[in-house]
Amino acid sequence: MEDISKLREEIDSIDEEIVKLLEKRMEISLKIGKCKKQNNINVLDKSREKEIIKSRVEFLKNNDFKQPLEKLLKLIMEISRELQYK
């Protein structure tokens, strides 16, 4: 049996990477929001969001994680839209 503390350390390290990547994603999302405002483009683009979800799910090796990933992506995109509306 694996040591739980070592597994938790792995999760901590992964979480740190996730936070850095999410921050970078949000910064880019803000830039996209500015471009959309300047060009009178709607913040919400349902077809783009569906495309993102579909393509990201294809990265999965374990299809059991499809639903959780879709849920996470929808939340991330919702937060991105909120930032873009500001």
PDB file of N, CA and C in Angstrom:
ATOM      1  N   MET A   1       0.837  -1.184   0.000  1.00  0.00           N
ATOM      2  CA  MET A   1       0.000   0.000   0.000  1.00  0.00           C
ATOM      3  C   MET A   1       0.883   1.249   0.000  1.00  0.00           C
ATOM      4  N   GLU A   2       0.506   2.192  -0.827  1.00  0.00           N
ATOM      5  CA  GLU A   2       1.291   3.422  -0.913  1.00  0.00           C
ATOM      6  C   GLU A   2       1.086   4.276   0.331  1.00  0.00           C
ATOM      7  N   ASP A   3       2.112   5.026   0.636  1.00  0.00           N
ATOM      8  CA  ASP A   3       2.070   5.913   1.793  1.00  0.00           C
ATOM      9  C   ASP A   3       1.194   7.122   1.471  1.00  0.00           C
ATOM     10  N   ILE A   4       0.185   7.355   2.306  1.00  0.00           N
ATOM     11  CA  ILE A   4      -0.769   8.443   2.060  1.00  0.00           C
ATOM     12  C   ILE A   4      -0.089   9.809   2.056  1.00  0.00           C
ATOM     13  N   SER A   5       0.915   9.990   2.875  1.00  0.00           N
ATOM     14  CA  SER A   5       1.589  11.293   2.920  1.00  0.00           C
ATOM     15  C   SER A   5       2.327  11.572   1.606  1.00  0.00           C
ATOM     16  N   LYS A   6       2.896  10.541   1.002  1.00  0.00           N
ATOM     17  CA  LYS A   6       3.574  10.722  -0.287  1.00  0.00           C
ATOM     18  C   LYS A   6       2.558  11.043  -1.383  1.00  0.00           C
ATOM     19  N   LEU A   7       1.429  10.380  -1.338  1.00  0.00           N
ATOM     20  CA  LEU A   7       0.375  10.653  -2.317  1.00  0.00           C
ATOM     21  C   LEU A   7      -0.145  12.081  -2.164  1.00  0.00           C
ATOM     22  N   ARG A   8      -0.280  12.519  -0.919  1.00  0.00           N
ATOM     23  CA  ARG A   8      -0.732  13.892  -0.669  1.00  0.00           C
ATOM     24  C   ARG A   8       0.295  14.910  -1.164  1.00  0.00           C
ATOM     25  N   GLU A   9       1.558  14.584  -1.013  1.00  0.00           N
ATOM     26  CA  GLU A   9       2.612  15.464  -1.530  1.00  0.00           C
ATOM     27  C   GLU A   9       2.505  15.586  -3.047  1.00  0.00           C
ATOM     28  N   GLU A  10       2.211  14.470  -3.705  1.00  0.00           N
ATOM     29  CA  GLU A  10       2.021  14.496  -5.158  1.00  0.00           C
ATOM     30  C   GLU A  10       0.853  15.403  -5.535  1.00  0.00           C
ATOM     31  N   ILE A  11      -0.247  15.273  -4.804  1.00  0.00           N
ATOM     32  CA  ILE A  11      -1.419  16.114  -5.064  1.00  0.00           C
ATOM     33  C   ILE A  11      -1.075  17.578  -4.822  1.00  0.00           C
ATOM     34  N   ASP A  12      -0.339  17.868  -3.759  1.00  0.00           N
ATOM     35  CA  ASP A  12       0.064  19.246  -3.468  1.00  0.00           C
ATOM     36  C   ASP A  12       0.865  19.836  -4.631  1.00  0.00           C
ATOM     37  N   SER A  13       1.776  19.048  -5.151  1.00  0.00           N
ATOM     38  CA  SER A  13       2.599  19.498  -6.269  1.00  0.00           C
ATOM     39  C   SER A  13       1.748  19.735  -7.521  1.00  0.00           C
ATOM     40  N   ILE A  14       0.838  18.829  -7.789  1.00  0.00           N
ATOM     41  CA  ILE A  14      -0.065  18.973  -8.938  1.00  0.00           C
ATOM     42  C   ILE A  14      -0.946  20.199  -8.759  1.00  0.00           C
ATOM     43  N   ASP A  15      -1.461  20.397  -7.548  1.00  0.00           N
ATOM     44  CA  ASP A  15      -2.307  21.564  -7.275  1.00  0.00           C
ATOM     45  C   ASP A  15      -1.554  22.870  -7.535  1.00  0.00           C
ATOM     46  N   GLU A  16      -0.299  22.902  -7.169  1.00  0.00           N
ATOM     47  CA  GLU A  16       0.508  24.103  -7.412  1.00  0.00           C
ATOM     48  C   GLU A  16       0.598  24.387  -8.912  1.00  0.00           C
ATOM     49  N   GLU A  17       0.817  23.341  -9.696  1.00  0.00           N
ATOM     50  CA  GLU A  17       0.868  23.499 -11.154  1.00  0.00           C
ATOM     51  C   GLU A  17      -0.477  23.968 -11.700  1.00  0.00           C
ATOM     52  N   ILE A  18      -1.549  23.383 -11.193  1.00  0.00           N
ATOM     53  CA  ILE A  18      -2.894  23.756 -11.643  1.00  0.00           C
ATOM     54  C   ILE A  18      -3.152  25.234 -11.372  1.00  0.00           C
ATOM     55  N   VAL A  19      -2.800  25.697 -10.179  1.00  0.00           N
ATOM     56  CA  VAL A  19      -3.018  27.101  -9.818  1.00  0.00           C
ATOM     57  C   VAL A  19      -2.252  28.022 -10.768  1.00  0.00           C
ATOM     58  N   LYS A  20      -1.009  27.702 -11.039  1.00  0.00           N
ATOM     59  CA  LYS A  20      -0.204  28.529 -11.943  1.00  0.00           C
ATOM     60  C   LYS A  20      -0.812  28.561 -13.342  1.00  0.00           C
ATOM     61  N   LEU A  21      -1.252  27.407 -13.822  1.00  0.00           N
ATOM     62  CA  LEU A  21      -1.849  27.339 -15.156  1.00  0.00           C
ATOM     63  C   LEU A  21      -3.198  28.047 -15.214  1.00  0.00           C
ATOM     64  N   LEU A  22      -3.994  27.911 -14.160  1.00  0.00           N
ATOM     65  CA  LEU A  22      -5.282  28.606 -14.125  1.00  0.00           C
ATOM     66  C   LEU A  22      -5.089  30.121 -14.097  1.00  0.00           C
ATOM     67  N   GLU A  23      -4.109  30.570 -13.342  1.00  0.00           N
ATOM     68  CA  GLU A  23      -3.833  32.004 -13.301  1.00  0.00           C
ATOM     69  C   GLU A  23      -3.444  32.506 -14.688  1.00  0.00           C
ATOM     70  N   LYS A  24      -2.594  31.762 -15.359  1.00  0.00           N
ATOM     71  CA  LYS A  24      -2.176  32.125 -16.714  1.00  0.00           C
ATOM     72  C   LYS A  24      -3.380  32.131 -17.658  1.00  0.00           C
ATOM     73  N   ARG A  25      -4.243  31.141 -17.518  1.00  0.00           N
ATOM     74  CA  ARG A  25      -5.441  31.053 -18.363  1.00  0.00           C
ATOM     75  C   ARG A  25      -6.354  32.254 -18.127  1.00  0.00           C
ATOM     76  N   MET A  26      -6.530  32.634 -16.882  1.00  0.00           N
ATOM     77  CA  MET A  26      -7.400  33.763 -16.561  1.00  0.00           C
ATOM     78  C   MET A  26      -6.825  35.077 -17.101  1.00  0.00           C
ATOM     79  N   GLU A  27      -5.512  35.231 -17.042  1.00  0.00           N
ATOM     80  CA  GLU A  27      -4.886  36.435 -17.599  1.00  0.00           C
ATOM     81  C   GLU A  27      -5.139  36.523 -19.104  1.00  0.00           C
ATOM     82  N   ILE A  28      -5.014  35.402 -19.791  1.00  0.00           N
ATOM     83  CA  ILE A  28      -5.282  35.367 -21.233  1.00  0.00           C
ATOM     84  C   ILE A  28      -6.758  35.611 -21.500  1.00  0.00           C
ATOM     85  N   SER A  29      -7.606  35.060 -20.666  1.00  0.00           N
ATOM     86  CA  SER A  29      -9.048  35.253 -20.808  1.00  0.00           C
ATOM     87  C   SER A  29      -9.417  36.731 -20.700  1.00  0.00           C
ATOM     88  N   LEU A  30      -8.768  37.442 -19.790  1.00  0.00           N
ATOM     89  CA  LEU A  30      -8.998  38.886 -19.673  1.00  0.00           C
ATOM     90  C   LEU A  30      -8.617  39.612 -20.964  1.00  0.00           C
ATOM     91  N   LYS A  31      -7.500  39.213 -21.559  1.00  0.00           N
ATOM     92  CA  LYS A  31      -7.066  39.820 -22.823  1.00  0.00           C
ATOM     93  C   LYS A  31      -8.082  39.535 -23.929  1.00  0.00           C
ATOM     94  N   ILE A  32      -8.589  38.319 -23.955  1.00  0.00           N
ATOM     95  CA  ILE A  32      -9.611  37.965 -24.941  1.00  0.00           C
ATOM     96  C   ILE A  32     -10.855  38.815 -24.722  1.00  0.00           C
ATOM     97  N   GLY A  33     -11.230  39.004 -23.463  1.00  0.00           N
ATOM     98  CA  GLY A  33     -12.382  39.839 -23.144  1.00  0.00           C
ATOM     99  C   GLY A  33     -12.223  41.260 -23.665  1.00  0.00           C
ATOM    100  N   LYS A  34     -11.025  41.820 -23.523  1.00  0.00           N
ATOM    101  CA  LYS A  34     -10.762  43.168 -24.033  1.00  0.00           C
ATOM    102  C   LYS A  34     -10.903  43.207 -25.551  1.00  0.00           C
ATOM    103  N   CYS A  35     -10.367  42.188 -26.215  1.00  0.00           N
ATOM    104  CA  CYS A  35     -10.483  42.112 -27.682  1.00  0.00           C
ATOM    105  C   CYS A  35     -11.947  42.019 -28.102  1.00  0.00           C
ATOM    106  N   LYS A  36     -12.705  41.225 -27.367  1.00  0.00           N
ATOM    107  CA  LYS A  36     -14.127  41.080 -27.686  1.00  0.00           C
ATOM    108  C   LYS A  36     -14.853  42.412 -27.539  1.00  0.00           C
ATOM    109  N   LYS A  37     -14.566  43.146 -26.475  1.00  0.00           N
ATOM    110  CA  LYS A  37     -15.212  44.447 -26.266  1.00  0.00           C
ATOM    111  C   LYS A  37     -14.854  45.419 -27.386  1.00  0.00           C
ATOM    112  N   GLN A  38     -13.581  45.454 -27.739  1.00  0.00           N
ATOM    113  CA  GLN A  38     -13.121  46.373 -28.783  1.00  0.00           C
ATOM    114  C   GLN A  38     -13.747  46.059 -30.141  1.00  0.00           C
ATOM    115  N   ASN A  39     -14.078  44.797 -30.360  1.00  0.00           N
ATOM    116  CA  ASN A  39     -14.612  44.369 -31.650  1.00  0.00           C
ATOM    117  C   ASN A  39     -16.100  44.039 -31.606  1.00  0.00           C
ATOM    118  N   ASN A  40     -16.758  44.437 -30.523  1.00  0.00           N
ATOM    119  CA  ASN A  40     -18.199  44.179 -30.349  1.00  0.00           C
ATOM    120  C   ASN A  40     -18.572  42.710 -30.574  1.00  0.00           C
ATOM    121  N   ILE A  41     -17.817  41.828 -29.956  1.00  0.00           N
ATOM    122  CA  ILE A  41     -18.070  40.390 -30.034  1.00  0.00           C
ATOM    123  C   ILE A  41     -18.670  39.950 -28.704  1.00  0.00           C
ATOM    124  N   ASN A  42     -19.701  39.127 -28.767  1.00  0.00           N
ATOM    125  CA  ASN A  42     -20.327  38.615 -27.545  1.00  0.00           C
ATOM    126  C   ASN A  42     -19.326  37.815 -26.724  1.00  0.00           C
ATOM    127  N   VAL A  43     -19.417  37.964 -25.418  1.00  0.00           N
ATOM    128  CA  VAL A  43     -18.554  37.198 -24.518  1.00  0.00           C
ATOM    129  C   VAL A  43     -18.888  35.714 -24.618  1.00  0.00           C
ATOM    130  N   LEU A  44     -20.164  35.392 -24.600  1.00  0.00           N
ATOM    131  CA  LEU A  44     -20.584  33.992 -24.649  1.00  0.00           C
ATOM    132  C   LEU A  44     -20.552  33.481 -26.081  1.00  0.00           C
ATOM    133  N   ASP A  45     -19.805  32.406 -26.287  1.00  0.00           N
ATOM    134  CA  ASP A  45     -19.731  31.740 -27.585  1.00  0.00           C
ATOM    135  C   ASP A  45     -19.948  30.249 -27.333  1.00  0.00           C
ATOM    136  N   LYS A  46     -21.210  29.843 -27.363  1.00  0.00           N
ATOM    137  CA  LYS A  46     -21.563  28.466 -27.014  1.00  0.00           C
ATOM    138  C   LYS A  46     -20.880  27.443 -27.912  1.00  0.00           C
ATOM    139  N   SER A  47     -20.773  27.735 -29.194  1.00  0.00           N
ATOM    140  CA  SER A  47     -20.143  26.768 -30.097  1.00  0.00           C
ATOM    141  C   SER A  47     -18.668  26.591 -29.747  1.00  0.00           C
ATOM    142  N   ARG A  48     -17.994  27.672 -29.394  1.00  0.00           N
ATOM    143  CA  ARG A  48     -16.585  27.588 -28.983  1.00  0.00           C
ATOM    144  C   ARG A  48     -16.457  26.777 -27.693  1.00  0.00           C
ATOM    145  N   GLU A  49     -17.354  26.999 -26.746  1.00  0.00           N
ATOM    146  CA  GLU A  49     -17.294  26.264 -25.483  1.00  0.00           C
ATOM    147  C   GLU A  49     -17.519  24.769 -25.710  1.00  0.00           C
ATOM    148  N   LYS A  50     -18.459  24.422 -26.567  1.00  0.00           N
ATOM    149  CA  LYS A  50     -18.689  23.002 -26.878  1.00  0.00           C
ATOM    150  C   LYS A  50     -17.459  22.386 -27.537  1.00  0.00           C
ATOM    151  N   GLU A  51     -16.852  23.147 -28.427  1.00  0.00           N
ATOM    152  CA  GLU A  51     -15.644  22.692 -29.116  1.00  0.00           C
ATOM    153  C   GLU A  51     -14.514  22.445 -28.114  1.00  0.00           C
ATOM    154  N   ILE A  52     -14.361  23.357 -27.162  1.00  0.00           N
ATOM    155  CA  ILE A  52     -13.318  23.218 -26.140  1.00  0.00           C
ATOM    156  C   ILE A  52     -13.545  21.953 -25.322  1.00  0.00           C
ATOM    157  N   ILE A  53     -14.763  21.766 -24.846  1.00  0.00           N
ATOM    158  CA  ILE A  53     -15.064  20.593 -24.023  1.00  0.00           C
ATOM    159  C   ILE A  53     -14.788  19.313 -24.804  1.00  0.00           C
ATOM    160  N   LYS A  54     -15.282  19.257 -26.015  1.00  0.00           N
ATOM    161  CA  LYS A  54     -15.094  18.052 -26.834  1.00  0.00           C
ATOM    162  C   LYS A  54     -13.613  17.748 -27.049  1.00  0.00           C
ATOM    163  N   SER A  55     -12.842  18.755 -27.405  1.00  0.00           N
ATOM    164  CA  SER A  55     -11.426  18.518 -27.696  1.00  0.00           C
ATOM    165  C   SER A  55     -10.624  18.181 -26.440  1.00  0.00           C
ATOM    166  N   ARG A  56     -10.967  18.795 -25.306  1.00  0.00           N
ATOM    167  CA  ARG A  56     -10.218  18.517 -24.077  1.00  0.00           C
ATOM    168  C   ARG A  56     -10.522  17.129 -23.530  1.00  0.00           C
ATOM    169  N   VAL A  57     -11.755  16.687 -23.684  1.00  0.00           N
ATOM    170  CA  VAL A  57     -12.132  15.344 -23.229  1.00  0.00           C
ATOM    171  C   VAL A  57     -11.335  14.290 -24.001  1.00  0.00           C
ATOM    172  N   GLU A  58     -11.002  14.596 -25.235  1.00  0.00           N
ATOM    173  CA  GLU A  58     -10.217  13.652 -26.043  1.00  0.00           C
ATOM    174  C   GLU A  58      -8.811  13.446 -25.498  1.00  0.00           C
ATOM    175  N   PHE A  59      -8.321  14.373 -24.673  1.00  0.00           N
ATOM    176  CA  PHE A  59      -6.998  14.220 -24.063  1.00  0.00           C
ATOM    177  C   PHE A  59      -6.984  13.133 -22.986  1.00  0.00           C
ATOM    178  N   LEU A  60      -8.150  12.794 -22.468  1.00  0.00           N
ATOM    179  CA  LEU A  60      -8.233  11.831 -21.366  1.00  0.00           C
ATOM    180  C   LEU A  60      -7.783  10.442 -21.800  1.00  0.00           C
ATOM    181  N   LYS A  61      -7.072   9.783 -20.919  1.00  0.00           N
ATOM    182  CA  LYS A  61      -6.729   8.379 -21.116  1.00  0.00           C
ATOM    183  C   LYS A  61      -7.783   7.496 -20.460  1.00  0.00           C
ATOM    184  N   ASN A  62      -8.360   7.987 -19.376  1.00  0.00           N
ATOM    185  CA  ASN A  62      -9.367   7.233 -18.630  1.00  0.00           C
ATOM    186  C   ASN A  62     -10.730   7.886 -18.849  1.00  0.00           C
ATOM    187  N   ASN A  63     -11.568   7.232 -19.602  1.00  0.00           N
ATOM    188  CA  ASN A  63     -12.876   7.786 -19.950  1.00  0.00           C
ATOM    189  C   ASN A  63     -13.805   7.923 -18.744  1.00  0.00           C
ATOM    190  N   ASP A  64     -13.467   7.290 -17.632  1.00  0.00           N
ATOM    191  CA  ASP A  64     -14.269   7.431 -16.413  1.00  0.00           C
ATOM    192  C   ASP A  64     -14.237   8.869 -15.892  1.00  0.00           C
ATOM    193  N   PHE A  65     -13.256   9.637 -16.323  1.00  0.00           N
ATOM    194  CA  PHE A  65     -13.108  11.016 -15.862  1.00  0.00           C
ATOM    195  C   PHE A  65     -13.785  12.028 -16.782  1.00  0.00           C
ATOM    196  N   LYS A  66     -14.491  11.534 -17.793  1.00  0.00           N
ATOM    197  CA  LYS A  66     -15.120  12.427 -18.775  1.00  0.00           C
ATOM    198  C   LYS A  66     -16.098  13.405 -18.118  1.00  0.00           C
ATOM    199  N   GLN A  67     -17.024  12.899 -17.341  1.00  0.00           N
ATOM    200  CA  GLN A  67     -18.032  13.767 -16.725  1.00  0.00           C
ATOM    201  C   GLN A  67     -17.412  14.775 -15.750  1.00  0.00           C
ATOM    202  N   PRO A  68     -16.506  14.346 -14.869  1.00  0.00           N
ATOM    203  CA  PRO A  68     -15.881  15.338 -13.983  1.00  0.00           C
ATOM    204  C   PRO A  68     -15.101  16.408 -14.751  1.00  0.00           C
ATOM    205  N   LEU A  69     -14.430  16.002 -15.828  1.00  0.00           N
ATOM    206  CA  LEU A  69     -13.677  16.979 -16.614  1.00  0.00           C
ATOM    207  C   LEU A  69     -14.616  17.968 -17.293  1.00  0.00           C
ATOM    208  N   GLU A  70     -15.701  17.475 -17.850  1.00  0.00           N
ATOM    209  CA  GLU A  70     -16.681  18.365 -18.479  1.00  0.00           C
ATOM    210  C   GLU A  70     -17.217  19.375 -17.465  1.00  0.00           C
ATOM    211  N   LYS A  71     -17.503  18.899 -16.280  1.00  0.00           N
ATOM    212  CA  LYS A  71     -18.013  19.773 -15.216  1.00  0.00           C
ATOM    213  C   LYS A  71     -16.982  20.847 -14.853  1.00  0.00           C
ATOM    214  N   LEU A  72     -15.736  20.437 -14.717  1.00  0.00           N
ATOM    215  CA  LEU A  72     -14.661  21.372 -14.385  1.00  0.00           C
ATOM    216  C   LEU A  72     -14.466  22.406 -15.490  1.00  0.00           C
ATOM    217  N   LEU A  73     -14.454  21.958 -16.728  1.00  0.00           N
ATOM    218  CA  LEU A  73     -14.271  22.876 -17.847  1.00  0.00           C
ATOM    219  C   LEU A  73     -15.401  23.895 -17.930  1.00  0.00           C
ATOM    220  N   LYS A  74     -16.622  23.442 -17.694  1.00  0.00           N
ATOM    221  CA  LYS A  74     -17.764  24.360 -17.712  1.00  0.00           C
ATOM    222  C   LYS A  74     -17.608  25.428 -16.635  1.00  0.00           C
ATOM    223  N   LEU A  75     -17.146  25.029 -15.462  1.00  0.00           N
ATOM    224  CA  LEU A  75     -16.930  25.987 -14.376  1.00  0.00           C
ATOM    225  C   LEU A  75     -15.811  26.974 -14.728  1.00  0.00           C
ATOM    226  N   ILE A  76     -14.734  26.466 -15.275  1.00  0.00           N
ATOM    227  CA  ILE A  76     -13.620  27.333 -15.669  1.00  0.00           C
ATOM    228  C   ILE A  76     -14.078  28.352 -16.708  1.00  0.00           C
ATOM    229  N   MET A  77     -14.860  27.893 -17.679  1.00  0.00           N
ATOM    230  CA  MET A  77     -15.332  28.811 -18.722  1.00  0.00           C
ATOM    231  C   MET A  77     -16.341  29.816 -18.170  1.00  0.00           C
ATOM    232  N   GLU A  78     -17.136  29.398 -17.209  1.00  0.00           N
ATOM    233  CA  GLU A  78     -18.069  30.326 -16.559  1.00  0.00           C
ATOM    234  C   GLU A  78     -17.297  31.438 -15.847  1.00  0.00           C
ATOM    235  N   ILE A  79     -16.258  31.060 -15.139  1.00  0.00           N
ATOM    236  CA  ILE A  79     -15.423  32.042 -14.441  1.00  0.00           C
ATOM    237  C   ILE A  79     -14.732  32.960 -15.451  1.00  0.00           C
ATOM    238  N   SER A  80     -14.268  32.392 -16.544  1.00  0.00           N
ATOM    239  CA  SER A  80     -13.629  33.197 -17.589  1.00  0.00           C
ATOM    240  C   SER A  80     -14.597  34.224 -18.154  1.00  0.00           C
ATOM    241  N   ARG A  81     -15.836  33.806 -18.386  1.00  0.00           N
ATOM    242  CA  ARG A  81     -16.851  34.741 -18.896  1.00  0.00           C
ATOM    243  C   ARG A  81     -17.098  35.864 -17.892  1.00  0.00           C
ATOM    244  N   GLU A  82     -17.180  35.507 -16.610  1.00  0.00           N
ATOM    245  CA  GLU A  82     -17.389  36.528 -15.575  1.00  0.00           C
ATOM    246  C   GLU A  82     -16.272  37.566 -15.611  1.00  0.00           C
ATOM    247  N   LEU A  83     -15.046  37.119 -15.791  1.00  0.00           N
ATOM    248  CA  LEU A  83     -13.916  38.046 -15.890  1.00  0.00           C
ATOM    249  C   LEU A  83     -14.040  38.919 -17.137  1.00  0.00           C
ATOM    250  N   GLN A  84     -14.473  38.310 -18.231  1.00  0.00           N
ATOM    251  CA  GLN A  84     -14.577  39.048 -19.487  1.00  0.00           C
ATOM    252  C   GLN A  84     -15.699  40.080 -19.455  1.00  0.00           C
ATOM    253  N   TYR A  85     -16.737  39.828 -18.682  1.00  0.00           N
ATOM    254  CA  TYR A  85     -17.840  40.782 -18.586  1.00  0.00           C
ATOM    255  C   TYR A  85     -17.451  42.030 -17.805  1.00  0.00           C
ATOM    256  N   LYS A  86     -16.405  41.944 -16.997  1.00  0.00           N
ATOM    257  CA  LYS A  86     -15.993  43.091 -16.165  1.00  0.00           C
ATOM    258  C   LYS A  86     -15.427  44.205 -17.022  1.00  0.00           C
TER     259      LYS A  86
END
